[in-house]
Amino acid sequence: MALPGRGREDRGKMGSLLTVKDLVVRFGERTILDGLSFELVSGEVLAVIGPNGCGKTVLLKSLLRLLPSAGTIDWAAGTRIGYVPQKIAPDRGLPLRVREALEAKARLMGLGRAEVDRVAETAGLGSDVLDAAAGLLSGGQFQKMLIAFALLGQPNVLLFDEPTASLDELSEERVYELLHRLQIEQGMTVVLVSHDLSVVFRYATEVLCLSRGFTCSGPPQRVLTPAALEALYGAPPKYYVHHAERTNP
């Protein structure tokens, strides 16, 4: 199911949740992000795409102020952010149960057990998963646990760094269905890093393209043209057109 589109006029009427201006991130002599500017509007699903090494994960960590940067990162007052990192390999010998892990974070945030029950239900974690050792979860179950972690404290923005990396197709679909439900039912704003253009066309309302010497932003159907995709990835456009057409019959 595709998310509803939004025109430029409608987008302008929505509240600005994040303004980024002239963002620069450097690691030593290497510049990762150079003068990046964009705006995130409340209720959007912003997909961040681009080739490996273009700075997608660096951007998310910069938005969380986990990396030093220059320029402006201005979140609206009252913004609450949840974050699901790209990949965490669980320790198979870890005896900690999922419920215990969630309750530990909830206590640190001053939250009660009712909040744990709420996020578990939202993320689709049944009692069998909650009572299981975190290290023995399947990939899809572990990813949903991370999403439940991110939902503690009722954030209104979720940052997802490749949320379905290494998952099988069925688990991947269920995770994206969950993200879709959060956006539609709770008005959640989502920033999503993805390599899968079929996912971008299916779920994103806006897209931010990152590549050295080339950036673009706007609705996927408008900005992800064959020419733009070739400039972004440095590959023939036929491959990318195929994916766009497959998801937009």
Protein backbone atom coordinates (compact mmCIF):
# COMPACT_ATOMS: atom_id res chain seq x y z
CA MET A 1 0.00 0.00 0.00
CA ALA A 2 1.46 3.33 -1.01
CA LEU A 3 1.35 6.27 1.33
CA PRO A 4 -0.85 9.19 0.31
CA GLY A 5 0.85 11.81 -1.80
CA ARG A 6 1.16 15.43 -0.80
CA GLY A 7 1.45 18.40 -3.11
CA ARG A 8 3.93 21.21 -2.64
CA GLU A 9 1.11 23.49 -1.54
CA ASP A 10 -0.17 21.03 1.06
CA ARG A 11 3.35 20.39 2.31
CA GLY A 12 3.87 24.10 2.86
CA LYS A 13 0.84 24.19 5.19
CA MET A 14 2.27 21.49 7.46
CA GLY A 15 4.48 22.34 10.40
CA SER A 16 8.23 22.20 9.89
CA LEU A 17 9.70 19.64 12.26
CA LEU A 18 13.34 19.89 11.20
CA THR A 19 15.38 22.42 9.28
CA VAL A 20 18.90 21.52 8.15
CA LYS A 21 21.05 24.25 6.57
CA ASP A 22 24.56 23.97 5.17
CA LEU A 23 25.36 20.81 7.14
CA VAL A 24 29.02 19.80 6.95
CA VAL A 25 30.46 16.65 8.51
CA ARG A 26 34.14 15.78 8.22
CA PHE A 27 36.23 12.90 9.45
CA GLY A 28 39.72 14.31 9.53
CA GLU A 29 40.53 15.49 6.01
CA ARG A 30 37.61 13.57 4.51
CA THR A 31 34.36 15.47 3.93
CA ILE A 32 31.28 13.21 4.19
CA LEU A 33 28.49 15.78 3.99
CA ASP A 34 29.18 19.16 2.43
CA GLY A 35 26.65 21.99 2.64
CA LEU A 36 23.53 19.79 2.85
CA SER A 37 20.20 21.60 3.33
CA PHE A 38 16.68 20.20 3.56
CA GLU A 39 13.45 20.45 5.55
CA LEU A 40 11.38 17.75 7.23
CA VAL A 41 7.65 18.37 7.59
CA SER A 42 5.48 16.82 10.28
CA GLY A 43 3.85 13.56 9.18
CA GLU A 44 6.22 12.87 6.28
CA VAL A 45 8.08 9.69 5.46
CA LEU A 46 11.46 10.89 4.21
CA ALA A 47 13.58 8.25 2.49
CA VAL A 48 17.33 8.90 2.38
CA ILE A 49 18.96 7.09 -0.52
CA GLY A 50 22.33 6.94 -2.26
CA PRO A 51 25.31 4.68 -2.91
CA ASN A 52 27.42 3.14 -0.15
CA GLY A 53 29.67 5.65 1.56
CA CYS A 54 27.60 8.71 0.64
CA GLY A 55 26.82 9.59 4.27
CA LYS A 56 23.33 8.22 4.95
CA THR A 57 24.15 6.79 8.38
CA VAL A 58 26.36 9.79 9.11
CA LEU A 59 23.37 12.04 8.43
CA LEU A 60 21.14 10.20 10.91
CA LYS A 61 23.83 10.27 13.60
CA SER A 62 24.34 13.98 12.94
CA LEU A 63 20.60 14.61 13.35
CA LEU A 64 20.88 12.84 16.72
CA ARG A 65 23.89 15.05 17.55
CA LEU A 66 26.11 12.01 17.96
CA LEU A 67 28.73 13.42 15.58
CA PRO A 68 30.40 16.84 15.45
CA SER A 69 29.17 18.94 12.55
CA ALA A 70 29.02 22.47 11.18
CA GLY A 71 25.89 24.22 9.94
CA THR A 72 22.40 24.23 11.41
CA ILE A 73 20.30 21.32 12.70
CA ASP A 74 17.12 22.84 14.11
CA TRP A 75 14.47 20.51 15.56
CA ALA A 76 11.11 22.02 16.48
CA ALA A 77 10.45 22.49 20.18
CA GLY A 78 8.94 19.39 21.78
CA THR A 79 10.29 16.96 19.20
CA ARG A 80 10.84 13.48 20.64
CA ILE A 81 13.08 11.18 18.59
CA GLY A 82 13.25 7.40 18.47
CA TYR A 83 16.14 5.68 16.69
CA VAL A 84 16.60 2.20 15.25
CA PRO A 85 20.26 1.65 14.25
CA GLN A 86 21.35 -0.12 11.10
CA LYS A 87 22.41 -3.42 12.57
CA ILE A 88 22.99 -4.90 15.99
CA ALA A 89 24.20 -8.48 16.24
CA PRO A 90 22.61 -10.03 19.35
CA ASP A 91 24.79 -12.11 21.64
CA ARG A 92 23.33 -15.61 21.33
CA GLY A 93 24.36 -16.35 24.89
CA LEU A 94 22.60 -13.30 26.32
CA PRO A 95 20.11 -14.56 28.94
CA LEU A 96 18.25 -11.23 29.23
CA ARG A 97 14.59 -11.59 28.28
CA VAL A 98 12.99 -9.09 25.93
CA ARG A 99 10.56 -7.87 28.59
CA GLU A 100 13.44 -7.32 31.05
CA ALA A 101 15.38 -5.33 28.47
CA LEU A 102 12.39 -3.09 27.73
CA GLU A 103 11.62 -2.62 31.42
CA ALA A 104 15.24 -1.66 32.12
CA LYS A 105 15.12 1.14 29.54
CA ALA A 106 11.67 2.21 30.74
CA ARG A 107 12.98 2.58 34.31
CA LEU A 108 15.85 4.75 33.09
CA MET A 109 13.29 6.98 31.37
CA GLY A 110 11.04 7.09 34.43
CA LEU A 111 8.30 5.10 32.67
CA GLY A 112 6.03 2.45 34.13
CA ARG A 113 5.19 -1.07 33.00
CA ALA A 114 2.10 0.18 31.16
CA GLU A 115 4.42 1.93 28.68
CA VAL A 116 6.28 -1.35 28.10
CA ASP A 117 3.00 -3.13 27.43
CA ARG A 118 1.96 -0.33 25.05
CA VAL A 119 5.09 -0.44 22.89
CA ALA A 120 5.12 -4.23 22.89
CA GLU A 121 1.57 -4.28 21.53
CA THR A 122 2.34 -1.59 18.97
CA ALA A 123 5.43 -3.44 17.72
CA GLY A 124 3.58 -6.77 17.62
CA LEU A 125 5.57 -8.47 20.36
CA GLY A 126 3.48 -11.23 21.90
CA SER A 127 4.06 -12.81 25.30
CA ASP A 128 6.08 -15.62 23.69
CA VAL A 129 8.59 -13.08 22.36
CA LEU A 130 8.56 -10.91 25.49
CA ASP A 131 9.45 -13.92 27.62
CA ALA A 132 12.15 -15.17 25.25
CA ALA A 133 15.87 -14.53 25.60
CA ALA A 134 16.81 -11.58 23.40
CA GLY A 135 19.79 -13.47 21.98
CA LEU A 136 17.58 -16.25 20.63
CA LEU A 137 15.14 -14.12 18.64
CA SER A 138 14.78 -14.42 14.88
CA GLY A 139 15.93 -11.48 12.77
CA GLY A 140 12.40 -10.14 12.37
CA GLN A 141 11.60 -10.52 16.08
CA PHE A 142 14.83 -8.78 17.08
CA GLN A 143 14.10 -5.90 14.71
CA LYS A 144 10.64 -5.48 16.22
CA MET A 145 12.24 -5.45 19.67
CA LEU A 146 14.49 -2.58 18.53
CA ILE A 147 11.44 -0.74 17.21
CA ALA A 148 9.71 -1.23 20.57
CA PHE A 149 12.81 0.24 22.24
CA ALA A 150 12.61 3.24 19.93
CA LEU A 151 8.90 3.74 20.72
CA LEU A 152 9.43 4.03 24.48
CA GLY A 153 8.66 7.59 25.54
CA GLN A 154 6.16 8.14 22.71
CA PRO A 155 8.44 9.80 20.12
CA ASN A 156 6.85 11.77 17.30
CA VAL A 157 9.84 11.18 14.98
CA LEU A 158 11.43 7.82 14.18
CA LEU A 159 14.83 7.49 12.51
CA PHE A 160 15.37 4.10 10.85
CA ASP A 161 18.73 3.11 9.39
CA GLU A 162 18.06 0.25 6.94
CA PRO A 163 15.41 -1.31 9.20
CA THR A 164 15.15 -4.57 7.24
CA ALA A 165 18.82 -5.27 6.46
CA SER A 166 19.49 -9.03 6.55
CA LEU A 167 15.80 -9.94 7.02
CA ASP A 168 13.94 -12.42 4.87
CA GLU A 169 11.22 -11.10 2.55
CA LEU A 170 8.30 -11.93 4.86
CA SER A 171 9.95 -10.33 7.92
CA GLU A 172 10.86 -7.30 5.82
CA GLU A 173 7.27 -6.84 4.68
CA ARG A 174 5.96 -7.03 8.24
CA VAL A 175 8.43 -4.41 9.45
CA TYR A 176 7.42 -2.00 6.68
CA GLU A 177 3.74 -2.64 7.38
CA LEU A 178 4.42 -1.66 11.00
CA LEU A 179 6.16 1.55 9.94
CA HIS A 180 3.27 2.32 7.59
CA ARG A 181 0.75 1.81 10.39
CA LEU A 182 2.67 4.09 12.75
CA GLN A 183 2.73 6.84 10.13
CA ILE A 184 -0.93 6.53 9.19
CA GLU A 185 -2.53 5.84 12.60
CA GLN A 186 -0.29 7.95 14.84
CA GLY A 187 0.86 10.63 12.43
CA MET A 188 4.45 9.58 13.06
CA THR A 189 7.17 11.36 11.09
CA VAL A 190 9.69 8.87 9.70
CA VAL A 191 13.21 9.27 8.32
CA LEU A 192 14.14 6.05 6.57
CA VAL A 193 17.49 5.04 5.09
CA SER A 194 17.03 2.43 2.37
CA HIS A 195 18.83 0.90 -0.60
CA ASP A 196 15.60 -0.57 -1.96
CA LEU A 197 13.97 1.78 -4.45
CA SER A 198 10.80 -0.31 -4.53
CA VAL A 199 10.40 0.48 -0.81
CA VAL A 200 11.05 4.17 -1.47
CA PHE A 201 8.37 4.38 -4.16
CA ARG A 202 5.95 2.39 -2.03
CA TYR A 203 6.25 4.10 1.34
CA ALA A 204 8.02 7.48 1.10
CA THR A 205 6.30 10.82 0.66
CA GLU A 206 9.63 12.61 0.17
CA VAL A 207 13.09 11.48 -0.84
CA LEU A 208 16.55 12.92 -0.16
CA CYS A 209 19.26 11.75 -2.57
CA LEU A 210 22.86 11.80 -1.36
CA SER A 211 25.86 11.32 -3.60
CA ARG A 212 29.19 13.02 -4.06
CA GLY A 213 28.63 16.03 -6.27
CA PHE A 214 24.90 15.38 -6.64
CA THR A 215 21.89 15.84 -4.34
CA CYS A 216 18.16 16.03 -4.98
CA SER A 217 14.99 16.12 -2.94
CA GLY A 218 11.24 15.98 -3.49
CA PRO A 219 8.49 13.42 -4.04
CA PRO A 220 9.88 10.10 -5.36
CA GLN A 221 7.75 10.14 -8.50
CA ARG A 222 9.07 13.58 -9.44
CA VAL A 223 12.76 13.48 -8.55
CA LEU A 224 13.71 9.85 -9.16
CA THR A 225 13.90 10.12 -12.91
CA PRO A 226 16.16 7.82 -14.96
CA ALA A 227 18.61 10.69 -15.44
CA ALA A 228 18.69 11.53 -11.72
CA LEU A 229 19.17 7.89 -10.75
CA GLU A 230 22.01 7.47 -13.22
CA ALA A 231 23.70 10.57 -11.79
CA LEU A 232 23.10 9.33 -8.26
CA TYR A 233 24.33 5.77 -8.66
CA GLY A 234 26.51 6.06 -11.74
CA ALA A 235 24.70 3.15 -13.41
CA PRO A 236 22.42 2.80 -16.43
CA PRO A 237 18.89 4.00 -15.59
CA LYS A 238 17.10 0.93 -16.98
CA TYR A 239 17.57 -1.02 -13.74
CA TYR A 240 16.00 1.71 -11.62
CA VAL A 241 13.14 2.37 -14.02
CA HIS A 242 12.29 -1.31 -13.80
CA HIS A 243 11.88 -1.10 -10.02
CA ALA A 244 9.84 2.10 -10.18
CA GLU A 245 7.47 0.65 -12.76
CA ARG A 246 7.11 -2.58 -10.85
CA THR A 247 5.83 -0.75 -7.77
CA ASN A 248 3.71 1.81 -9.59
CA PRO A 249 1.61 -0.14 -12.14
